[in-house]
Amino acid sequence: MSIGNSSADAEAAEDQPSIGRVLQQARISAGLTVDEVSSTTRVRIPILHAIEQDDFSRCGGDVYARGHIRTLAITVGLDPAELVARYDAERGGRPAPTPAAPLFDAERIRPEPRRPNWTAAMVAAIVAVVGFVGFTLFNGGGQSSNGSVAAESPSAKPPASPSKKPASGKPADPKREPGGGAIAGVPANKVTVKLAAENGQTWMSAKDHNGRLLEEGVLKQGDAKTFTDPTRIDLVLGNAGAVRLFVNGKEVKNVGDNGQVQRLSYTKGDPVAG
């Protein structure tokens, strides 16, 4: 009885169309050409023709053959699991996967000895030395650096003469220069302009004789700026009444009124009041 059933199953299997034939018929039924399937699946045309003729040797092995069958089956609307199972059955079943543990055991038998990372150690030592030297210089030279800055800071501004009491007996304004508004020590071969915002703040702009912008912005009350040029200084004052102006060591009287915009230009020699 079992022999008869086995022969019947074999005859039924022989009557079934092959895997390649099934894929080909499904492709034709779906109205797809080989070129269209190749463009969709990225499977090359010669391999598609070979698969439809049940030649799986061009696939590069069983793993790739199963992948191509699965991709083509999905594209033409078939069940990929059934066709892959048929492929494995016709070739004696899917081979059992190779256990990975022996491979890892073999790798553990031959461990590669770790070598000391001398480069990282040298870099860490250099960084530590540089950090220590920098920290020592910063802490040890802080007082001398501050002292040098304190000693040099007075030279950044024109030297101020000792304050004197005016005839009224009131102490002199520390912002005003004595001697009729003259500034001592200005170079004779250059034009020197000093702005002092004593009555408020003002927007200002200063350019040299080439038109190059020296400074531009708001001069706040109490601030002062000094500009020099070999030939000429051009000024723009947004609030002339707030500014006290000195040119080439002498004060310029009546620079302007509060809120008045003044455009002034000065060269070497005696200034002209604006």
C-alpha atoms as a PDB file:
ATOM      1  CA  MET A   1       0.000   0.000   0.000  1.00  0.00           C
ATOM      2  CA  SER A   2       2.846   2.410   0.851  1.00  0.00           C
ATOM      3  CA  ILE A   3       4.640   1.498  -2.354  1.00  0.00           C
ATOM      4  CA  GLY A   4       1.631   2.506  -4.388  1.00  0.00           C
ATOM      5  CA  ASN A   5       1.348   5.843  -2.593  1.00  0.00           C
ATOM      6  CA  SER A   6       5.036   6.593  -3.166  1.00  0.00           C
ATOM      7  CA  SER A   7       4.746   5.946  -6.890  1.00  0.00           C
ATOM      8  CA  ALA A   8       1.640   8.163  -7.046  1.00  0.00           C
ATOM      9  CA  ASP A   9       3.461  11.013  -5.303  1.00  0.00           C
ATOM     10  CA  ALA A  10       6.395  10.690  -7.695  1.00  0.00           C
ATOM     11  CA  GLU A  11       4.084  10.790 -10.729  1.00  0.00           C
ATOM     12  CA  ALA A  12       2.297  13.877  -9.310  1.00  0.00           C
ATOM     13  CA  ALA A  13       5.651  15.610  -8.781  1.00  0.00           C
ATOM     14  CA  GLU A  14       6.658  14.826 -12.353  1.00  0.00           C
ATOM     15  CA  ASP A  15       3.389  16.314 -13.647  1.00  0.00           C
ATOM     16  CA  GLN A  16       4.047  19.619 -11.818  1.00  0.00           C
ATOM     17  CA  PRO A  17       5.741  22.320 -13.871  1.00  0.00           C
ATOM     18  CA  SER A  18       9.308  23.075 -12.834  1.00  0.00           C
ATOM     19  CA  ILE A  19      10.304  26.085 -10.756  1.00  0.00           C
ATOM     20  CA  GLY A  20      11.594  27.906 -13.789  1.00  0.00           C
ATOM     21  CA  ARG A  21       8.470  27.117 -15.768  1.00  0.00           C
ATOM     22  CA  VAL A  22       6.237  28.364 -12.909  1.00  0.00           C
ATOM     23  CA  LEU A  23       8.160  31.643 -12.747  1.00  0.00           C
ATOM     24  CA  GLN A  24       8.022  32.076 -16.504  1.00  0.00           C
ATOM     25  CA  GLN A  25       4.275  31.437 -16.717  1.00  0.00           C
ATOM     26  CA  ALA A  26       3.608  33.824 -13.792  1.00  0.00           C
ATOM     27  CA  ARG A  27       5.701  36.519 -15.483  1.00  0.00           C
ATOM     28  CA  ILE A  28       3.816  36.155 -18.753  1.00  0.00           C
ATOM     29  CA  SER A  29       0.468  36.181 -16.930  1.00  0.00           C
ATOM     30  CA  ALA A  30       1.504  39.394 -15.148  1.00  0.00           C
ATOM     31  CA  GLY A  31       2.259  40.994 -18.527  1.00  0.00           C
ATOM     32  CA  LEU A  32       5.932  41.563 -17.680  1.00  0.00           C
ATOM     33  CA  THR A  33       8.904  41.210 -19.986  1.00  0.00           C
ATOM     34  CA  VAL A  34      12.285  39.865 -18.973  1.00  0.00           C
ATOM     35  CA  ASP A  35      13.746  43.349 -19.292  1.00  0.00           C
ATOM     36  CA  GLU A  36      11.100  44.799 -16.951  1.00  0.00           C
ATOM     37  CA  VAL A  37      11.679  42.100 -14.349  1.00  0.00           C
ATOM     38  CA  SER A  38      15.427  42.633 -14.589  1.00  0.00           C
ATOM     39  CA  SER A  39      15.023  46.388 -14.071  1.00  0.00           C
ATOM     40  CA  THR A  40      12.769  45.791 -11.039  1.00  0.00           C
ATOM     41  CA  THR A  41      14.771  43.031  -9.332  1.00  0.00           C
ATOM     42  CA  ARG A  42      18.307  44.005 -10.419  1.00  0.00           C
ATOM     43  CA  VAL A  43      18.805  40.407 -11.562  1.00  0.00           C
ATOM     44  CA  ARG A  44      20.725  40.295 -14.842  1.00  0.00           C
ATOM     45  CA  ILE A  45      18.872  39.175 -17.969  1.00  0.00           C
ATOM     46  CA  PRO A  46      21.099  36.104 -18.705  1.00  0.00           C
ATOM     47  CA  ILE A  47      20.481  34.818 -15.161  1.00  0.00           C
ATOM     48  CA  LEU A  48      16.694  35.342 -15.586  1.00  0.00           C
ATOM     49  CA  HIS A  49      16.698  33.307 -18.795  1.00  0.00           C
ATOM     50  CA  ALA A  50      18.738  30.549 -17.134  1.00  0.00           C
ATOM     51  CA  ILE A  51      16.396  30.386 -14.092  1.00  0.00           C
ATOM     52  CA  GLU A  52      13.311  30.137 -16.314  1.00  0.00           C
ATOM     53  CA  GLN A  53      15.056  27.172 -18.009  1.00  0.00           C
ATOM     54  CA  ASP A  54      15.766  25.635 -14.558  1.00  0.00           C
ATOM     55  CA  ASP A  55      19.487  26.301 -14.883  1.00  0.00           C
ATOM     56  CA  PHE A  56      20.536  27.640 -11.467  1.00  0.00           C
ATOM     57  CA  SER A  57      24.272  27.194 -12.051  1.00  0.00           C
ATOM     58  CA  ARG A  58      24.642  30.843 -13.106  1.00  0.00           C
ATOM     59  CA  CYS A  59      23.270  32.079  -9.776  1.00  0.00           C
ATOM     60  CA  GLY A  60      26.576  31.492  -7.990  1.00  0.00           C
ATOM     61  CA  GLY A  61      25.418  28.923  -5.463  1.00  0.00           C
ATOM     62  CA  ASP A  62      22.333  27.761  -3.563  1.00  0.00           C
ATOM     63  CA  VAL A  63      22.202  30.820  -1.324  1.00  0.00           C
ATOM     64  CA  TYR A  64      22.036  33.195  -4.300  1.00  0.00           C
ATOM     65  CA  ALA A  65      19.654  30.874  -6.135  1.00  0.00           C
ATOM     66  CA  ARG A  66      17.211  30.931  -3.218  1.00  0.00           C
ATOM     67  CA  GLY A  67      17.475  34.721  -3.093  1.00  0.00           C
ATOM     68  CA  HIS A  68      16.767  35.066  -6.830  1.00  0.00           C
ATOM     69  CA  ILE A  69      13.813  32.666  -6.629  1.00  0.00           C
ATOM     70  CA  ARG A  70      12.336  34.574  -3.689  1.00  0.00           C
ATOM     71  CA  THR A  71      12.780  37.966  -5.415  1.00  0.00           C
ATOM     72  CA  LEU A  72      11.340  36.794  -8.732  1.00  0.00           C
ATOM     73  CA  ALA A  73       8.380  35.077  -7.049  1.00  0.00           C
ATOM     74  CA  ILE A  74       7.429  38.267  -5.190  1.00  0.00           C
ATOM     75  CA  THR A  75       7.758  40.310  -8.382  1.00  0.00           C
ATOM     76  CA  VAL A  76       5.429  38.075 -10.441  1.00  0.00           C
ATOM     77  CA  GLY A  77       2.925  37.553  -7.589  1.00  0.00           C
ATOM     78  CA  LEU A  78       3.804  34.031  -6.344  1.00  0.00           C
ATOM     79  CA  ASP A  79       4.404  32.631  -2.879  1.00  0.00           C
ATOM     80  CA  PRO A  80       8.215  32.661  -2.477  1.00  0.00           C
ATOM     81  CA  ALA A  81       8.253  30.213   0.458  1.00  0.00           C
ATOM     82  CA  GLU A  82       6.651  27.440  -1.588  1.00  0.00           C
ATOM     83  CA  LEU A  83       9.094  27.778  -4.482  1.00  0.00           C
ATOM     84  CA  VAL A  84      12.139  27.957  -2.188  1.00  0.00           C
ATOM     85  CA  ALA A  85      10.924  24.851  -0.350  1.00  0.00           C
ATOM     86  CA  ARG A  86      10.575  23.035  -3.700  1.00  0.00           C
ATOM     87  CA  TYR A  87      14.098  24.120  -4.634  1.00  0.00           C
ATOM     88  CA  ASP A  88      15.502  22.719  -1.366  1.00  0.00           C
ATOM     89  CA  ALA A  89      13.499  19.489  -1.686  1.00  0.00           C
ATOM     90  CA  GLU A  90      14.760  18.858  -5.219  1.00  0.00           C
ATOM     91  CA  ARG A  91      18.338  19.254  -3.972  1.00  0.00           C
ATOM     92  CA  GLY A  92      18.091  17.053  -0.902  1.00  0.00           C
ATOM     93  CA  GLY A  93      16.981  19.746   1.577  1.00  0.00           C
ATOM     94  CA  ARG A  94      18.626  22.844   2.951  1.00  0.00           C
ATOM     95  CA  PRO A  95      22.030  22.083   4.523  1.00  0.00           C
ATOM     96  CA  ALA A  96      22.253  22.498   8.274  1.00  0.00           C
ATOM     97  CA  PRO A  97      23.973  25.713   9.348  1.00  0.00           C
ATOM     98  CA  THR A  98      27.520  25.370  10.545  1.00  0.00           C
ATOM     99  CA  PRO A  99      27.728  25.903  14.312  1.00  0.00           C
ATOM    100  CA  ALA A 100      29.633  29.038  15.175  1.00  0.00           C
ATOM    101  CA  ALA A 101      30.912  27.947  18.577  1.00  0.00           C
ATOM    102  CA  PRO A 102      33.890  25.846  17.311  1.00  0.00           C
ATOM    103  CA  LEU A 103      35.058  28.815  15.266  1.00  0.00           C
ATOM    104  CA  PHE A 104      34.984  31.068  18.302  1.00  0.00           C
ATOM    105  CA  ASP A 105      36.697  28.356  20.370  1.00  0.00           C
ATOM    106  CA  ALA A 106      39.439  28.128  17.780  1.00  0.00           C
ATOM    107  CA  GLU A 107      39.865  31.879  17.863  1.00  0.00           C
ATOM    108  CA  ARG A 108      40.147  31.781  21.661  1.00  0.00           C
ATOM    109  CA  ILE A 109      42.825  29.105  21.462  1.00  0.00           C
ATOM    110  CA  ARG A 110      45.083  31.468  19.488  1.00  0.00           C
ATOM    111  CA  PRO A 111      44.615  34.850  21.149  1.00  0.00           C
ATOM    112  CA  GLU A 112      46.782  37.564  19.741  1.00  0.00           C
ATOM    113  CA  PRO A 113      48.915  39.075  22.513  1.00  0.00           C
ATOM    114  CA  ARG A 114      48.145  42.709  23.218  1.00  0.00           C
ATOM    115  CA  ARG A 115      51.061  45.018  22.792  1.00  0.00           C
ATOM    116  CA  PRO A 116      51.542  48.071  24.964  1.00  0.00           C
ATOM    117  CA  ASN A 117      50.437  51.276  23.275  1.00  0.00           C
ATOM    118  CA  TRP A 118      53.634  53.259  23.621  1.00  0.00           C
ATOM    119  CA  THR A 119      52.365  56.052  21.355  1.00  0.00           C
ATOM    120  CA  ALA A 120      49.381  56.777  23.587  1.00  0.00           C
ATOM    121  CA  ALA A 121      51.601  56.698  26.671  1.00  0.00           C
ATOM    122  CA  MET A 122      54.072  59.176  25.122  1.00  0.00           C
ATOM    123  CA  VAL A 123      51.257  61.505  24.056  1.00  0.00           C
ATOM    124  CA  ALA A 124      49.760  61.434  27.558  1.00  0.00           C
ATOM    125  CA  ALA A 125      53.163  62.188  29.091  1.00  0.00           C
ATOM    126  CA  ILE A 126      53.765  65.119  26.727  1.00  0.00           C
ATOM    127  CA  VAL A 127      50.310  66.551  27.455  1.00  0.00           C
ATOM    128  CA  ALA A 128      50.959  66.272  31.193  1.00  0.00           C
ATOM    129  CA  VAL A 129      54.333  68.038  30.910  1.00  0.00           C
ATOM    130  CA  VAL A 130      52.932  70.827  28.730  1.00  0.00           C
ATOM    131  CA  GLY A 131      49.991  71.297  31.094  1.00  0.00           C
ATOM    132  CA  PHE A 132      52.298  71.471  34.115  1.00  0.00           C
ATOM    133  CA  VAL A 133      54.618  73.997  32.449  1.00  0.00           C
ATOM    134  CA  GLY A 134      51.658  76.131  31.320  1.00  0.00           C
ATOM    135  CA  PHE A 135      50.121  76.038  34.795  1.00  0.00           C
ATOM    136  CA  THR A 136      53.466  77.012  36.376  1.00  0.00           C
ATOM    137  CA  LEU A 137      54.035  79.879  33.951  1.00  0.00           C
ATOM    138  CA  PHE A 138      50.469  81.131  34.379  1.00  0.00           C
ATOM    139  CA  ASN A 139      50.598  81.146  38.174  1.00  0.00           C
ATOM    140  CA  GLY A 140      54.226  82.265  38.529  1.00  0.00           C
ATOM    141  CA  GLY A 141      54.068  85.001  35.894  1.00  0.00           C
ATOM    142  CA  GLY A 142      50.643  86.370  36.806  1.00  0.00           C
ATOM    143  CA  GLN A 143      51.928  89.087  39.125  1.00  0.00           C
ATOM    144  CA  SER A 144      54.722  90.165  36.781  1.00  0.00           C
ATOM    145  CA  SER A 145      52.305  90.274  33.859  1.00  0.00           C
ATOM    146  CA  ASN A 146      49.825  92.350  35.830  1.00  0.00           C
ATOM    147  CA  GLY A 147      52.641  94.606  36.950  1.00  0.00           C
ATOM    148  CA  SER A 148      53.834  95.183  33.399  1.00  0.00           C
ATOM    149  CA  VAL A 149      50.326  95.963  32.239  1.00  0.00           C
ATOM    150  CA  ALA A 150      49.840  98.379  35.079  1.00  0.00           C
ATOM    151  CA  ALA A 151      53.134 100.045  34.272  1.00  0.00           C
ATOM    152  CA  GLU A 152      52.411 100.389  30.585  1.00  0.00           C
ATOM    153  CA  SER A 153      48.743 101.369  30.805  1.00  0.00           C
ATOM    154  CA  PRO A 154      49.360 105.095  31.410  1.00  0.00           C
ATOM    155  CA  SER A 155      51.216 105.380  28.077  1.00  0.00           C
ATOM    156  CA  ALA A 156      48.125 104.227  26.191  1.00  0.00           C
ATOM    157  CA  LYS A 157      46.581 107.685  26.732  1.00  0.00           C
ATOM    158  CA  PRO A 158      48.104 111.177  26.466  1.00  0.00           C
ATOM    159  CA  PRO A 159      49.783 112.110  29.762  1.00  0.00           C
ATOM    160  CA  ALA A 160      47.597 114.239  31.978  1.00  0.00           C
ATOM    161  CA  SER A 161      49.115 117.161  33.836  1.00  0.00           C
ATOM    162  CA  PRO A 162      48.576 117.501  37.585  1.00  0.00           C
ATOM    163  CA  SER A 163      45.194 118.953  38.359  1.00  0.00           C
ATOM    164  CA  LYS A 164      45.069 122.541  39.499  1.00  0.00           C
ATOM    165  CA  LYS A 165      42.391 124.441  41.331  1.00  0.00           C
ATOM    166  CA  PRO A 166      40.690 127.153  39.244  1.00  0.00           C
ATOM    167  CA  ALA A 167      40.295 130.763  40.393  1.00  0.00           C
ATOM    168  CA  SER A 168      36.914 129.963  41.918  1.00  0.00           C
ATOM    169  CA  GLY A 169      38.564 127.642  44.408  1.00  0.00           C
ATOM    170  CA  LYS A 170      36.677 124.559  43.134  1.00  0.00           C
ATOM    171  CA  PRO A 171      38.681 121.431  42.230  1.00  0.00           C
ATOM    172  CA  ALA A 172      39.408 121.119  38.538  1.00  0.00           C
ATOM    173  CA  ASP A 173      37.399 118.685  36.429  1.00  0.00           C
ATOM    174  CA  PRO A 174      39.688 115.635  36.006  1.00  0.00           C
ATOM    175  CA  LYS A 175      38.480 115.202  32.407  1.00  0.00           C
ATOM    176  CA  ARG A 176      39.660 118.679  31.309  1.00  0.00           C
ATOM    177  CA  GLU A 177      43.232 119.445  30.275  1.00  0.00           C
ATOM    178  CA  PRO A 178      44.919 122.537  31.814  1.00  0.00           C
ATOM    179  CA  GLY A 179      46.714 125.353  30.018  1.00  0.00           C
ATOM    180  CA  GLY A 180      43.824 126.720  27.941  1.00  0.00           C
ATOM    181  CA  GLY A 181      42.759 123.298  26.695  1.00  0.00           C
ATOM    182  CA  ALA A 182      46.167 122.311  25.248  1.00  0.00           C
ATOM    183  CA  ILE A 183      47.351 118.704  25.166  1.00  0.00           C
ATOM    184  CA  ALA A 184      51.055 118.210  25.812  1.00  0.00           C
ATOM    185  CA  GLY A 185      53.156 115.781  23.858  1.00  0.00           C
ATOM    186  CA  VAL A 186      51.248 115.617  20.549  1.00  0.00           C
ATOM    187  CA  PRO A 187      53.510 114.980  17.517  1.00  0.00           C
ATOM    188  CA  ALA A 188      54.137 118.054  15.363  1.00  0.00           C
ATOM    189  CA  ASN A 189      54.393 116.102  12.089  1.00  0.00           C
ATOM    190  CA  LYS A 190      50.924 114.547  12.361  1.00  0.00           C
ATOM    191  CA  VAL A 191      47.361 115.613  12.918  1.00  0.00           C
ATOM    192  CA  THR A 192      46.031 114.472  16.294  1.00  0.00           C
ATOM    193  CA  VAL A 193      42.330 114.602  17.157  1.00  0.00           C
ATOM    194  CA  LYS A 194      40.865 113.772  20.553  1.00  0.00           C
ATOM    195  CA  LEU A 195      37.143 113.417  21.268  1.00  0.00           C
ATOM    196  CA  ALA A 196      35.745 113.433  24.820  1.00  0.00           C
ATOM    197  CA  ALA A 197      32.012 112.906  25.423  1.00  0.00           C
ATOM    198  CA  GLU A 198      31.460 115.100  28.483  1.00  0.00           C
ATOM    199  CA  ASN A 199      27.871 116.344  28.051  1.00  0.00           C
ATOM    200  CA  GLY A 200      26.186 113.132  26.918  1.00  0.00           C
ATOM    201  CA  GLN A 201      26.765 110.457  24.343  1.00  0.00           C
ATOM    202  CA  THR A 202      27.132 110.812  20.588  1.00  0.00           C
ATOM    203  CA  TRP A 203      27.466 108.750  17.468  1.00  0.00           C
ATOM    204  CA  MET A 204      30.848 109.353  15.807  1.00  0.00           C
ATOM    205  CA  SER A 205      32.860 108.326  12.776  1.00  0.00           C
ATOM    206  CA  ALA A 206      36.581 108.955  12.098  1.00  0.00           C
ATOM    207  CA  LYS A 207      38.430 108.375   8.791  1.00  0.00           C
ATOM    208  CA  ASP A 208      42.026 108.951   7.689  1.00  0.00           C
ATOM    209  CA  HIS A 209      43.181 110.913   4.627  1.00  0.00           C
ATOM    210  CA  ASN A 210      42.634 107.853   2.404  1.00  0.00           C
ATOM    211  CA  GLY A 211      39.023 107.536   3.504  1.00  0.00           C
ATOM    212  CA  ARG A 212      39.778 104.412   5.537  1.00  0.00           C
ATOM    213  CA  LEU A 213      37.446 104.058   8.510  1.00  0.00           C
ATOM    214  CA  LEU A 214      39.377 104.336  11.769  1.00  0.00           C
ATOM    215  CA  GLU A 215      36.416 103.920  14.108  1.00  0.00           C
ATOM    216  CA  GLU A 216      32.653 104.209  14.060  1.00  0.00           C
ATOM    217  CA  GLY A 217      30.042 103.821  16.760  1.00  0.00           C
ATOM    218  CA  VAL A 218      28.580 105.380  19.899  1.00  0.00           C
ATOM    219  CA  LEU A 219      30.884 107.352  22.192  1.00  0.00           C
ATOM    220  CA  LYS A 220      29.296 107.081  25.623  1.00  0.00           C
ATOM    221  CA  GLN A 221      29.443 109.878  28.181  1.00  0.00           C
ATOM    222  CA  GLY A 222      32.777 109.851  29.986  1.00  0.00           C
ATOM    223  CA  ASP A 223      34.574 108.036  27.136  1.00  0.00           C
ATOM    224  CA  ALA A 224      37.354 109.543  24.996  1.00  0.00           C
ATOM    225  CA  LYS A 225      38.992 108.572  21.705  1.00  0.00           C
ATOM    226  CA  THR A 226      42.225 109.809  20.082  1.00  0.00           C
ATOM    227  CA  PHE A 227      43.066 109.498  16.365  1.00  0.00           C
ATOM    228  CA  THR A 228      46.262 110.392  14.470  1.00  0.00           C
ATOM    229  CA  ASP A 229      47.125 110.560  10.775  1.00  0.00           C
ATOM    230  CA  PRO A 230      50.084 111.988   8.827  1.00  0.00           C
ATOM    231  CA  THR A 231      47.796 114.264   6.769  1.00  0.00           C
ATOM    232  CA  ARG A 232      44.107 114.584   7.682  1.00  0.00           C
ATOM    233  CA  ILE A 233      41.354 113.310   9.983  1.00  0.00           C
ATOM    234  CA  ASP A 234      37.704 113.507   8.872  1.00  0.00           C
ATOM    235  CA  LEU A 235      35.041 113.437  11.596  1.00  0.00           C
ATOM    236  CA  VAL A 236      31.268 113.030  11.695  1.00  0.00           C
ATOM    237  CA  LEU A 237      29.582 113.851  15.038  1.00  0.00           C
ATOM    238  CA  GLY A 238      25.944 112.993  15.576  1.00  0.00           C
ATOM    239  CA  ASN A 239      25.575 115.105  18.744  1.00  0.00           C
ATOM    240  CA  ALA A 240      28.192 117.846  18.485  1.00  0.00           C
ATOM    241  CA  GLY A 241      27.069 119.578  21.683  1.00  0.00           C
ATOM    242  CA  ALA A 242      28.065 116.570  23.787  1.00  0.00           C
ATOM    243  CA  VAL A 243      31.684 116.503  22.574  1.00  0.00           C
ATOM    244  CA  ARG A 244      34.773 118.329  23.762  1.00  0.00           C
ATOM    245  CA  LEU A 245      37.242 118.412  20.862  1.00  0.00           C
ATOM    246  CA  PHE A 246      41.047 118.814  20.883  1.00  0.00           C
ATOM    247  CA  VAL A 247      43.011 119.123  17.617  1.00  0.00           C
ATOM    248  CA  ASN A 248      46.814 119.113  17.534  1.00  0.00           C
ATOM    249  CA  GLY A 249      46.935 119.776  21.259  1.00  0.00           C
ATOM    250  CA  LYS A 250      44.493 122.675  21.332  1.00  0.00           C
ATOM    251  CA  GLU A 251      40.839 122.743  22.228  1.00  0.00           C
ATOM    252  CA  VAL A 252      38.312 123.643  19.530  1.00  0.00           C
ATOM    253  CA  LYS A 253      35.581 125.839  20.993  1.00  0.00           C
ATOM    254  CA  ASN A 254      31.935 125.777  19.976  1.00  0.00           C
ATOM    255  CA  VAL A 255      31.993 122.406  18.198  1.00  0.00           C
ATOM    256  CA  GLY A 256      28.216 122.474  17.842  1.00  0.00           C
ATOM    257  CA  ASP A 257      24.883 122.416  19.610  1.00  0.00           C
ATOM    258  CA  ASN A 258      23.121 119.494  21.279  1.00  0.00           C
ATOM    259  CA  GLY A 259      21.643 117.185  18.660  1.00  0.00           C
ATOM    260  CA  GLN A 260      23.525 118.913  15.819  1.00  0.00           C
ATOM    261  CA  VAL A 261      25.335 116.782  13.224  1.00  0.00           C
ATOM    262  CA  GLN A 262      28.780 118.143  12.363  1.00  0.00           C
ATOM    263  CA  ARG A 263      31.162 117.045   9.591  1.00  0.00           C
ATOM    264  CA  LEU A 264      34.675 118.259  10.387  1.00  0.00           C
ATOM    265  CA  SER A 265      38.087 117.863   8.769  1.00  0.00           C
ATOM    266  CA  TYR A 266      41.451 118.746  10.350  1.00  0.00           C
ATOM    267  CA  THR A 267      45.065 118.767   9.137  1.00  0.00           C
ATOM    268  CA  LYS A 268      48.436 119.653  10.621  1.00  0.00           C
ATOM    269  CA  GLY A 269      48.673 123.158  12.078  1.00  0.00           C
ATOM    270  CA  ASP A 270      46.366 125.290  14.155  1.00  0.00           C
ATOM    271  CA  PRO A 271      42.756 124.113  14.247  1.00  0.00           C
ATOM    272  CA  VAL A 272      39.822 126.187  13.167  1.00  0.00           C
ATOM    273  CA  ALA A 273      36.865 126.169  15.523  1.00  0.00           C
ATOM    274  CA  GLY A 274      33.906 124.284  14.105  1.00  0.00           C
END
